[in-house]
Amino acid sequence: MTSMEGKLQRALHKAEGEHEVQKEDMTRMQAGLVLGNMYVQRTQKQLNTAEEKSKKSRKRHLLQDGRAKYYTGDEFWEACVEDEQCQETEAEEKQRGQERREARAVELEQWKEQNDEIRARNKVRKDKWENDVKLWEAERDCAKALRKRPRWNKPKLGNERLLPRPTCTEEGDGEEVEDEPKDEEEDELDSDLDDDDR
């Protein structure tokens, strides 16, 4: 290898080293940009959410543009009348919603009481059915010993079905409102009763 080749080789290694350093710097810069972009997007979402909340919670201001107004002027008077009408409408809607919720609570209470009565009747039926099944099994075993058929068929448990949970629809939109989920005890009782039916 000549001295010229050696110099060129060293220069090539040096250039490659500088290129690698530049690549690492670029990668670091790109990673910083990506992280910065993610941070800005998250902050922007938080700011938008906070702004929307403040818009919703902001009360109506009749003098919101900061300019002088005549309290007896037509525009201001119309704004006052419109504001009063809005407040009355909101109060009426709030009252109607309260009445609907109270009626719904009464309806659910009646439904629970009716289902409790049905469960009590089903329990009495089940107890009677268990006694009948014991008598039938005794007769069946006796008939089997005599190599005959029992005189009557195995009794069947005929349970009353529970009433379906009443659904509630809000006025205005036809969407059903979700109620609180059924109690676990109710689920267990229902499944017990269904098992006994079979």
C-alpha atoms as a PDB file:
ATOM      1  CA  MET A   1       0.000   0.000   0.000  1.00  0.00           C
ATOM      2  CA  THR A   2       1.411   3.365  -1.007  1.00  0.00           C
ATOM      3  CA  SER A   3       1.337   6.483   1.119  1.00  0.00           C
ATOM      4  CA  MET A   4      -1.371   7.981  -1.105  1.00  0.00           C
ATOM      5  CA  GLU A   5      -3.586   4.954  -0.603  1.00  0.00           C
ATOM      6  CA  GLY A   6      -3.031   5.159   3.144  1.00  0.00           C
ATOM      7  CA  LYS A   7      -4.055   8.829   3.184  1.00  0.00           C
ATOM      8  CA  LEU A   8      -7.151   8.082   1.139  1.00  0.00           C
ATOM      9  CA  GLN A   9      -8.018   5.171   3.436  1.00  0.00           C
ATOM     10  CA  ARG A  10      -7.709   7.377   6.532  1.00  0.00           C
ATOM     11  CA  ALA A  11      -9.771  10.123   4.901  1.00  0.00           C
ATOM     12  CA  LEU A  12     -12.433   7.570   3.988  1.00  0.00           C
ATOM     13  CA  HIS A  13     -12.578   6.252   7.580  1.00  0.00           C
ATOM     14  CA  LYS A  14     -12.798   9.802   8.896  1.00  0.00           C
ATOM     15  CA  ALA A  15     -15.606  10.694   6.460  1.00  0.00           C
ATOM     16  CA  GLU A  16     -17.490   7.529   7.389  1.00  0.00           C
ATOM     17  CA  GLY A  17     -17.151   8.371  11.100  1.00  0.00           C
ATOM     18  CA  GLU A  18     -18.461  11.885  10.511  1.00  0.00           C
ATOM     19  CA  HIS A  19     -21.336  10.467   8.460  1.00  0.00           C
ATOM     20  CA  GLU A  20     -22.255   8.073  11.307  1.00  0.00           C
ATOM     21  CA  VAL A  21     -22.212  10.958  13.804  1.00  0.00           C
ATOM     22  CA  GLN A  22     -24.450  13.007  11.505  1.00  0.00           C
ATOM     23  CA  LYS A  23     -26.842  10.054  11.150  1.00  0.00           C
ATOM     24  CA  GLU A  24     -27.047   9.673  14.949  1.00  0.00           C
ATOM     25  CA  ASP A  25     -27.669  13.407  15.314  1.00  0.00           C
ATOM     26  CA  MET A  26     -30.443  13.271  12.710  1.00  0.00           C
ATOM     27  CA  THR A  27     -32.047  10.258  14.412  1.00  0.00           C
ATOM     28  CA  ARG A  28     -31.912  12.062  17.765  1.00  0.00           C
ATOM     29  CA  MET A  29     -33.443  15.194  16.221  1.00  0.00           C
ATOM     30  CA  GLN A  30     -36.240  13.196  14.554  1.00  0.00           C
ATOM     31  CA  ALA A  31     -37.005  11.401  17.824  1.00  0.00           C
ATOM     32  CA  GLY A  32     -37.175  14.780  19.578  1.00  0.00           C
ATOM     33  CA  LEU A  33     -39.559  16.080  16.904  1.00  0.00           C
ATOM     34  CA  VAL A  34     -41.801  13.024  17.225  1.00  0.00           C
ATOM     35  CA  LEU A  35     -41.931  13.319  21.023  1.00  0.00           C
ATOM     36  CA  GLY A  36     -42.537  17.059  20.790  1.00  0.00           C
ATOM     37  CA  ASN A  37     -45.356  16.486  18.304  1.00  0.00           C
ATOM     38  CA  MET A  38     -46.970  13.893  20.601  1.00  0.00           C
ATOM     39  CA  TYR A  39     -46.740  16.306  23.545  1.00  0.00           C
ATOM     40  CA  VAL A  40     -48.261  19.150  21.516  1.00  0.00           C
ATOM     41  CA  GLN A  41     -51.156  16.957  20.350  1.00  0.00           C
ATOM     42  CA  ARG A  42     -51.907  15.781  23.890  1.00  0.00           C
ATOM     43  CA  THR A  43     -51.735  19.338  25.240  1.00  0.00           C
ATOM     44  CA  GLN A  44     -53.973  20.554  22.415  1.00  0.00           C
ATOM     45  CA  LYS A  45     -56.583  17.912  23.257  1.00  0.00           C
ATOM     46  CA  GLN A  46     -56.506  18.932  26.918  1.00  0.00           C
ATOM     47  CA  LEU A  47     -56.866  22.595  25.998  1.00  0.00           C
ATOM     48  CA  ASN A  48     -59.781  21.860  23.641  1.00  0.00           C
ATOM     49  CA  THR A  49     -61.520  19.794  26.330  1.00  0.00           C
ATOM     50  CA  ALA A  50     -61.030  22.529  28.918  1.00  0.00           C
ATOM     51  CA  GLU A  51     -62.289  25.152  26.461  1.00  0.00           C
ATOM     52  CA  GLU A  52     -65.425  23.124  25.669  1.00  0.00           C
ATOM     53  CA  LYS A  53     -66.122  22.641  29.382  1.00  0.00           C
ATOM     54  CA  SER A  54     -65.725  26.341  30.050  1.00  0.00           C
ATOM     55  CA  LYS A  55     -68.073  27.144  27.145  1.00  0.00           C
ATOM     56  CA  LYS A  56     -70.698  24.803  28.559  1.00  0.00           C
ATOM     57  CA  SER A  57     -70.397  26.117  32.090  1.00  0.00           C
ATOM     58  CA  ARG A  58     -70.151  29.766  31.073  1.00  0.00           C
ATOM     59  CA  LYS A  59     -73.237  31.690  32.078  1.00  0.00           C
ATOM     60  CA  ARG A  60     -75.067  33.970  29.727  1.00  0.00           C
ATOM     61  CA  HIS A  61     -73.792  37.531  29.824  1.00  0.00           C
ATOM     62  CA  LEU A  62     -75.943  40.196  28.332  1.00  0.00           C
ATOM     63  CA  LEU A  63     -73.075  42.678  28.189  1.00  0.00           C
ATOM     64  CA  GLN A  64     -70.478  40.288  26.832  1.00  0.00           C
ATOM     65  CA  ASP A  65     -69.102  42.388  23.959  1.00  0.00           C
ATOM     66  CA  GLY A  66     -67.836  45.070  26.370  1.00  0.00           C
ATOM     67  CA  ARG A  67     -69.489  47.958  24.556  1.00  0.00           C
ATOM     68  CA  ALA A  68     -71.728  50.490  26.234  1.00  0.00           C
ATOM     69  CA  LYS A  69     -75.443  49.701  26.148  1.00  0.00           C
ATOM     70  CA  TYR A  70     -78.607  51.619  26.786  1.00  0.00           C
ATOM     71  CA  TYR A  71     -80.566  49.639  29.319  1.00  0.00           C
ATOM     72  CA  THR A  72     -83.731  50.917  27.658  1.00  0.00           C
ATOM     73  CA  GLY A  73     -82.450  50.169  24.143  1.00  0.00           C
ATOM     74  CA  ASP A  74     -84.366  47.708  21.944  1.00  0.00           C
ATOM     75  CA  GLU A  75     -81.481  45.251  21.462  1.00  0.00           C
ATOM     76  CA  PHE A  76     -80.700  45.032  25.172  1.00  0.00           C
ATOM     77  CA  TRP A  77     -84.385  44.717  26.071  1.00  0.00           C
ATOM     78  CA  GLU A  78     -84.873  41.880  23.541  1.00  0.00           C
ATOM     79  CA  ALA A  79     -81.779  40.139  24.900  1.00  0.00           C
ATOM     80  CA  CYS A  80     -83.196  40.416  28.446  1.00  0.00           C
ATOM     81  CA  VAL A  81     -86.577  39.017  27.375  1.00  0.00           C
ATOM     82  CA  GLU A  82     -84.894  36.156  25.471  1.00  0.00           C
ATOM     83  CA  ASP A  83     -82.677  35.393  28.478  1.00  0.00           C
ATOM     84  CA  GLU A  84     -85.698  35.237  30.811  1.00  0.00           C
ATOM     85  CA  GLN A  85     -87.510  32.917  28.399  1.00  0.00           C
ATOM     86  CA  CYS A  86     -84.451  30.651  28.214  1.00  0.00           C
ATOM     87  CA  GLN A  87     -84.242  30.514  32.012  1.00  0.00           C
ATOM     88  CA  GLU A  88     -87.958  29.686  32.307  1.00  0.00           C
ATOM     89  CA  THR A  89     -87.640  26.956  29.651  1.00  0.00           C
ATOM     90  CA  GLU A  90     -84.634  25.443  31.424  1.00  0.00           C
ATOM     91  CA  ALA A  91     -86.462  25.516  34.770  1.00  0.00           C
ATOM     92  CA  GLU A  92     -89.504  23.799  33.209  1.00  0.00           C
ATOM     93  CA  GLU A  93     -87.315  21.123  31.590  1.00  0.00           C
ATOM     94  CA  LYS A  94     -85.540  20.559  34.894  1.00  0.00           C
ATOM     95  CA  GLN A  95     -88.898  20.209  36.689  1.00  0.00           C
ATOM     96  CA  ARG A  96     -90.202  17.776  34.040  1.00  0.00           C
ATOM     97  CA  GLY A  97     -87.009  15.718  34.315  1.00  0.00           C
ATOM     98  CA  GLN A  98     -87.391  15.571  38.105  1.00  0.00           C
ATOM     99  CA  GLU A  99     -91.029  14.462  37.759  1.00  0.00           C
ATOM    100  CA  ARG A 100     -90.033  11.784  35.208  1.00  0.00           C
ATOM    101  CA  ARG A 101     -87.318  10.476  37.529  1.00  0.00           C
ATOM    102  CA  GLU A 102     -89.734  10.327  40.470  1.00  0.00           C
ATOM    103  CA  ALA A 103     -92.368   8.537  38.368  1.00  0.00           C
ATOM    104  CA  ARG A 104     -89.688   6.128  37.147  1.00  0.00           C
ATOM    105  CA  ALA A 105     -88.601   5.401  40.724  1.00  0.00           C
ATOM    106  CA  VAL A 106     -92.209   4.635  41.725  1.00  0.00           C
ATOM    107  CA  GLU A 107     -92.641   2.399  38.666  1.00  0.00           C
ATOM    108  CA  LEU A 108     -89.447   0.468  39.445  1.00  0.00           C
ATOM    109  CA  GLU A 109     -90.479   0.068  43.082  1.00  0.00           C
ATOM    110  CA  GLN A 110     -93.851  -1.390  42.020  1.00  0.00           C
ATOM    111  CA  TRP A 111     -92.080  -3.708  39.558  1.00  0.00           C
ATOM    112  CA  LYS A 112     -89.748  -4.959  42.289  1.00  0.00           C
ATOM    113  CA  GLU A 113     -92.664  -5.560  44.674  1.00  0.00           C
ATOM    114  CA  GLN A 114     -94.601  -7.496  41.998  1.00  0.00           C
ATOM    115  CA  ASN A 115     -91.574  -9.638  41.186  1.00  0.00           C
ATOM    116  CA  ASP A 116     -90.985 -10.301  44.897  1.00  0.00           C
ATOM    117  CA  GLU A 117     -94.585 -11.523  45.172  1.00  0.00           C
ATOM    118  CA  ILE A 118     -94.079 -13.778  42.136  1.00  0.00           C
ATOM    119  CA  ARG A 119     -90.863 -15.152  43.675  1.00  0.00           C
ATOM    120  CA  ALA A 120     -92.693 -15.879  46.938  1.00  0.00           C
ATOM    121  CA  ARG A 121     -95.469 -17.724  45.069  1.00  0.00           C
ATOM    122  CA  ASN A 122     -92.854 -19.636  43.049  1.00  0.00           C
ATOM    123  CA  LYS A 123     -91.074 -20.648  46.255  1.00  0.00           C
ATOM    124  CA  VAL A 124     -94.329 -22.015  47.713  1.00  0.00           C
ATOM    125  CA  ARG A 125     -94.946 -23.888  44.438  1.00  0.00           C
ATOM    126  CA  LYS A 126     -91.418 -25.282  44.493  1.00  0.00           C
ATOM    127  CA  ASP A 127     -91.794 -26.552  48.067  1.00  0.00           C
ATOM    128  CA  LYS A 128     -95.098 -28.255  47.168  1.00  0.00           C
ATOM    129  CA  TRP A 129     -93.531 -29.663  43.989  1.00  0.00           C
ATOM    130  CA  GLU A 130     -90.589 -31.108  45.967  1.00  0.00           C
ATOM    131  CA  ASN A 131     -93.014 -32.854  48.335  1.00  0.00           C
ATOM    132  CA  ASP A 132     -95.016 -34.206  45.367  1.00  0.00           C
ATOM    133  CA  VAL A 133     -91.818 -35.455  43.717  1.00  0.00           C
ATOM    134  CA  LYS A 134     -90.808 -37.274  46.909  1.00  0.00           C
ATOM    135  CA  LEU A 135     -94.233 -38.982  47.024  1.00  0.00           C
ATOM    136  CA  TRP A 136     -93.987 -39.864  43.339  1.00  0.00           C
ATOM    137  CA  GLU A 137     -90.477 -41.295  43.782  1.00  0.00           C
ATOM    138  CA  ALA A 138     -91.685 -43.411  46.689  1.00  0.00           C
ATOM    139  CA  GLU A 139     -94.580 -44.738  44.589  1.00  0.00           C
ATOM    140  CA  ARG A 140     -92.266 -45.262  41.609  1.00  0.00           C
ATOM    141  CA  ASP A 141     -89.833 -47.300  43.719  1.00  0.00           C
ATOM    142  CA  CYS A 142     -92.717 -49.342  45.103  1.00  0.00           C
ATOM    143  CA  ALA A 143     -94.151 -49.922  41.616  1.00  0.00           C
ATOM    144  CA  LYS A 144     -90.689 -50.855  40.350  1.00  0.00           C
ATOM    145  CA  ALA A 145     -90.391 -53.462  43.087  1.00  0.00           C
ATOM    146  CA  LEU A 146     -93.744 -54.913  41.989  1.00  0.00           C
ATOM    147  CA  ARG A 147     -92.689 -54.637  38.325  1.00  0.00           C
ATOM    148  CA  LYS A 148     -95.496 -52.226  37.522  1.00  0.00           C
ATOM    149  CA  ARG A 149     -95.746 -48.677  36.277  1.00  0.00           C
ATOM    150  CA  PRO A 150     -96.492 -45.783  38.663  1.00  0.00           C
ATOM    151  CA  ARG A 151    -100.140 -44.688  38.598  1.00  0.00           C
ATOM    152  CA  TRP A 152     -99.278 -41.054  37.832  1.00  0.00           C
ATOM    153  CA  ASN A 153     -96.586 -39.189  35.938  1.00  0.00           C
ATOM    154  CA  LYS A 154     -93.794 -37.250  37.596  1.00  0.00           C
ATOM    155  CA  PRO A 155     -95.125 -33.833  38.676  1.00  0.00           C
ATOM    156  CA  LYS A 156     -93.909 -30.812  36.723  1.00  0.00           C
ATOM    157  CA  LEU A 157     -92.953 -27.505  38.273  1.00  0.00           C
ATOM    158  CA  GLY A 158     -94.919 -24.693  36.595  1.00  0.00           C
ATOM    159  CA  ASN A 159     -93.318 -21.465  37.734  1.00  0.00           C
ATOM    160  CA  GLU A 160     -94.695 -18.025  37.045  1.00  0.00           C
ATOM    161  CA  ARG A 161     -92.425 -15.943  34.873  1.00  0.00           C
ATOM    162  CA  LEU A 162     -91.026 -12.749  36.359  1.00  0.00           C
ATOM    163  CA  LEU A 163     -92.231  -9.485  34.863  1.00  0.00           C
ATOM    164  CA  PRO A 164     -89.789  -7.811  32.453  1.00  0.00           C
ATOM    165  CA  ARG A 165     -88.043  -4.698  33.702  1.00  0.00           C
ATOM    166  CA  PRO A 166     -89.959  -1.618  32.545  1.00  0.00           C
ATOM    167  CA  THR A 167     -88.121   0.493  29.987  1.00  0.00           C
ATOM    168  CA  CYS A 168     -88.088   4.248  30.034  1.00  0.00           C
ATOM    169  CA  THR A 169     -87.822   6.550  27.034  1.00  0.00           C
ATOM    170  CA  GLU A 170     -87.002  10.217  27.379  1.00  0.00           C
ATOM    171  CA  GLU A 171     -89.353  12.676  25.763  1.00  0.00           C
ATOM    172  CA  GLY A 172     -87.895  14.181  22.648  1.00  0.00           C
ATOM    173  CA  ASP A 173     -85.460  11.424  21.735  1.00  0.00           C
ATOM    174  CA  GLY A 174     -86.696   7.912  21.327  1.00  0.00           C
ATOM    175  CA  GLU A 175     -83.620   6.388  22.907  1.00  0.00           C
ATOM    176  CA  GLU A 176     -84.037   4.049  25.813  1.00  0.00           C
ATOM    177  CA  VAL A 177     -82.409   5.092  29.045  1.00  0.00           C
ATOM    178  CA  GLU A 178     -80.271   2.450  30.707  1.00  0.00           C
ATOM    179  CA  ASP A 179     -81.370   1.502  34.193  1.00  0.00           C
ATOM    180  CA  GLU A 180     -79.131   0.256  36.920  1.00  0.00           C
ATOM    181  CA  PRO A 181     -78.121  -3.373  36.356  1.00  0.00           C
ATOM    182  CA  LYS A 182     -80.099  -6.177  37.976  1.00  0.00           C
ATOM    183  CA  ASP A 183     -78.971  -7.372  41.367  1.00  0.00           C
ATOM    184  CA  GLU A 184     -76.866 -10.519  41.499  1.00  0.00           C
ATOM    185  CA  GLU A 185     -79.434 -12.083  43.833  1.00  0.00           C
ATOM    186  CA  GLU A 186     -82.153 -11.530  41.235  1.00  0.00           C
ATOM    187  CA  ASP A 187     -79.987 -13.208  38.567  1.00  0.00           C
ATOM    188  CA  GLU A 188     -79.363 -16.214  40.805  1.00  0.00           C
ATOM    189  CA  LEU A 189     -83.058 -16.565  41.679  1.00  0.00           C
ATOM    190  CA  ASP A 190     -84.043 -16.271  38.029  1.00  0.00           C
ATOM    191  CA  SER A 191     -81.518 -18.921  36.988  1.00  0.00           C
ATOM    192  CA  ASP A 192     -82.670 -21.221  39.834  1.00  0.00           C
ATOM    193  CA  LEU A 193     -86.258 -20.888  38.715  1.00  0.00           C
ATOM    194  CA  ASP A 194     -85.331 -21.523  35.076  1.00  0.00           C
ATOM    195  CA  ASP A 195     -83.362 -24.640  36.074  1.00  0.00           C
ATOM    196  CA  ASP A 196     -86.353 -25.964  38.016  1.00  0.00           C
ATOM    197  CA  ASP A 197     -88.612 -25.459  34.998  1.00  0.00           C
ATOM    198  CA  ARG A 198     -86.560 -27.954  33.029  1.00  0.00           C
END
